[in-house]
Amino acid sequence: MKNRISLTAALLLLICGCAPTITVNDVTYEALTQEEEAHLVTAARAMLVKPGKMVSKEEIRLVQQTEPKLEITYTDDRSGTAEVSWQAPEKIITVFFEGEFMSPTVSVSVSTEKRQPEILKFTAPTP
């Protein structure tokens, strides 16, 4: 029985010790797992499907069918800001998360920004 408890405790320490971490300015934070990052993307998609958002049906299809750009900035363990964004033909659609990511109190907001056309393109002079 004693060996069984020791083995269980060792496995628990091994699992807890394998949580992902990230170091920012010499401070190490506990990061989200890949599954939790996928959960953020799922939550962002769910926010955009709700009625009243400034996203068209075509853009919702794009959001559902393509992978977004995910940028996370940590300010504490599993906390900080996250941006989940998609580039539609007419605009950039972004869902922002702020606070403790896996908490029901995380702040969530949606932003759309009209894409700017590329005006200047550098071309090398011909000799």
Protein backbone atom coordinates (compact mmCIF):
# COMPACT_ATOMS: atom_id res chain seq x y z
CA MET A 1 0.00 0.00 0.00
CA LYS A 2 2.83 2.39 0.86
CA ASN A 3 4.44 1.85 -2.57
CA ARG A 4 1.13 2.54 -4.29
CA ILE A 5 0.80 5.93 -2.52
CA SER A 6 4.40 6.86 -3.36
CA LEU A 7 3.86 5.98 -7.01
CA THR A 8 0.66 8.04 -7.14
CA ALA A 9 2.40 11.02 -5.54
CA ALA A 10 5.32 10.72 -7.98
CA LEU A 11 2.95 10.63 -10.97
CA LEU A 12 1.07 13.66 -9.67
CA LEU A 13 4.32 15.63 -9.28
CA LEU A 14 5.42 14.58 -12.76
CA ILE A 15 2.13 15.73 -14.31
CA CYS A 16 2.10 19.04 -12.42
CA GLY A 17 5.74 19.67 -13.24
CA CYS A 18 5.04 19.34 -16.98
CA ALA A 19 2.70 22.33 -17.25
CA PRO A 20 3.87 24.69 -20.02
CA THR A 21 5.67 27.82 -18.94
CA ILE A 22 6.83 31.00 -20.64
CA THR A 23 9.47 33.48 -19.49
CA VAL A 24 8.87 37.20 -20.02
CA ASN A 25 11.43 39.75 -18.79
CA ASP A 26 13.08 37.12 -16.58
CA VAL A 27 9.75 36.18 -14.96
CA THR A 28 8.35 32.69 -15.61
CA TYR A 29 4.58 32.26 -15.93
CA GLU A 30 2.43 29.16 -16.23
CA ALA A 31 1.13 29.17 -19.81
CA LEU A 32 -1.99 27.72 -21.38
CA THR A 33 -1.86 24.22 -22.81
CA GLN A 34 -2.60 23.62 -26.49
CA GLU A 35 -6.07 22.38 -25.51
CA GLU A 36 -6.74 25.59 -23.57
CA GLU A 37 -5.53 27.71 -26.49
CA ALA A 38 -7.95 25.77 -28.72
CA HIS A 39 -10.68 26.54 -26.16
CA LEU A 40 -9.95 30.29 -26.55
CA VAL A 41 -10.37 29.96 -30.32
CA THR A 42 -13.66 28.07 -29.84
CA ALA A 43 -14.90 30.76 -27.42
CA ALA A 44 -13.91 33.49 -29.91
CA ARG A 45 -15.85 31.75 -32.69
CA ALA A 46 -18.88 31.44 -30.41
CA MET A 47 -18.76 35.19 -29.66
CA LEU A 48 -18.87 36.02 -33.36
CA VAL A 49 -21.88 33.79 -34.09
CA LYS A 50 -24.08 35.64 -31.59
CA PRO A 51 -26.69 37.92 -33.20
CA GLY A 52 -25.96 41.63 -33.36
CA LYS A 53 -22.24 41.39 -34.09
CA MET A 54 -20.81 43.34 -37.00
CA VAL A 55 -19.86 40.18 -38.88
CA SER A 56 -21.62 38.99 -42.04
CA LYS A 57 -22.71 35.41 -42.69
CA GLU A 58 -19.85 35.00 -45.20
CA GLU A 59 -17.35 36.22 -42.61
CA ILE A 60 -18.77 33.83 -40.01
CA ARG A 61 -18.22 30.99 -42.50
CA LEU A 62 -14.61 32.15 -42.95
CA VAL A 63 -14.13 32.27 -39.16
CA GLN A 64 -15.56 28.77 -38.76
CA GLN A 65 -13.48 27.26 -41.58
CA THR A 66 -10.04 28.88 -41.16
CA GLU A 67 -7.48 28.93 -38.40
CA PRO A 68 -6.98 32.32 -36.74
CA LYS A 69 -3.88 34.17 -35.71
CA LEU A 70 -3.51 33.79 -31.93
CA GLU A 71 -1.32 36.18 -29.94
CA ILE A 72 -1.04 35.83 -26.16
CA THR A 73 0.76 38.22 -23.80
CA TYR A 74 1.17 36.87 -20.27
CA THR A 75 1.13 39.17 -17.22
CA ASP A 76 0.63 36.41 -14.63
CA ASP A 77 0.08 32.65 -14.47
CA ARG A 78 -2.47 31.74 -17.17
CA SER A 79 -3.50 35.43 -17.29
CA GLY A 80 -2.92 38.42 -19.51
CA THR A 81 -4.26 39.45 -22.91
CA ALA A 82 -5.03 37.34 -25.96
CA GLU A 83 -6.02 38.33 -29.48
CA VAL A 84 -7.72 35.84 -31.79
CA SER A 85 -7.99 37.34 -35.28
CA TRP A 86 -9.05 36.45 -38.80
CA GLN A 87 -8.39 38.39 -42.01
CA ALA A 88 -11.54 38.54 -44.11
CA PRO A 89 -11.42 40.10 -47.57
CA GLU A 90 -12.94 43.39 -46.36
CA LYS A 91 -11.86 43.59 -42.71
CA ILE A 92 -9.85 42.17 -39.84
CA ILE A 93 -12.01 40.49 -37.18
CA THR A 94 -10.50 40.27 -33.69
CA VAL A 95 -11.74 38.86 -30.40
CA PHE A 96 -9.85 40.15 -27.34
CA PHE A 97 -9.56 38.31 -24.01
CA GLU A 98 -8.21 40.03 -20.89
CA GLY A 99 -7.70 38.62 -17.40
CA GLU A 100 -7.48 35.03 -16.22
CA PHE A 101 -8.05 33.12 -19.46
CA MET A 102 -9.83 30.01 -18.18
CA SER A 103 -11.98 31.93 -15.69
CA PRO A 104 -15.65 32.78 -16.20
CA THR A 105 -14.74 36.40 -15.32
CA VAL A 106 -12.36 36.88 -18.27
CA SER A 107 -13.18 40.06 -20.18
CA VAL A 108 -14.10 39.47 -23.85
CA SER A 109 -14.63 42.06 -26.60
CA VAL A 110 -14.95 42.04 -30.39
CA SER A 111 -13.40 44.46 -32.86
CA THR A 112 -13.59 44.79 -36.63
CA GLU A 113 -11.21 46.94 -38.61
CA LYS A 114 -11.48 47.80 -42.30
CA ARG A 115 -8.48 46.45 -44.18
CA GLN A 116 -6.30 49.14 -45.69
CA PRO A 117 -5.19 48.67 -49.29
CA GLU A 118 -1.50 48.46 -49.99
CA ILE A 119 -0.74 51.87 -51.43
CA LEU A 120 3.01 51.91 -51.79
CA LYS A 121 5.09 49.08 -53.10
CA PHE A 122 8.82 49.49 -53.41
CA THR A 123 10.34 48.54 -56.71
CA ALA A 124 14.05 48.63 -57.29
CA PRO A 125 15.20 51.20 -59.86
CA THR A 126 16.26 49.80 -63.18
CA PRO A 127 19.84 50.54 -64.26
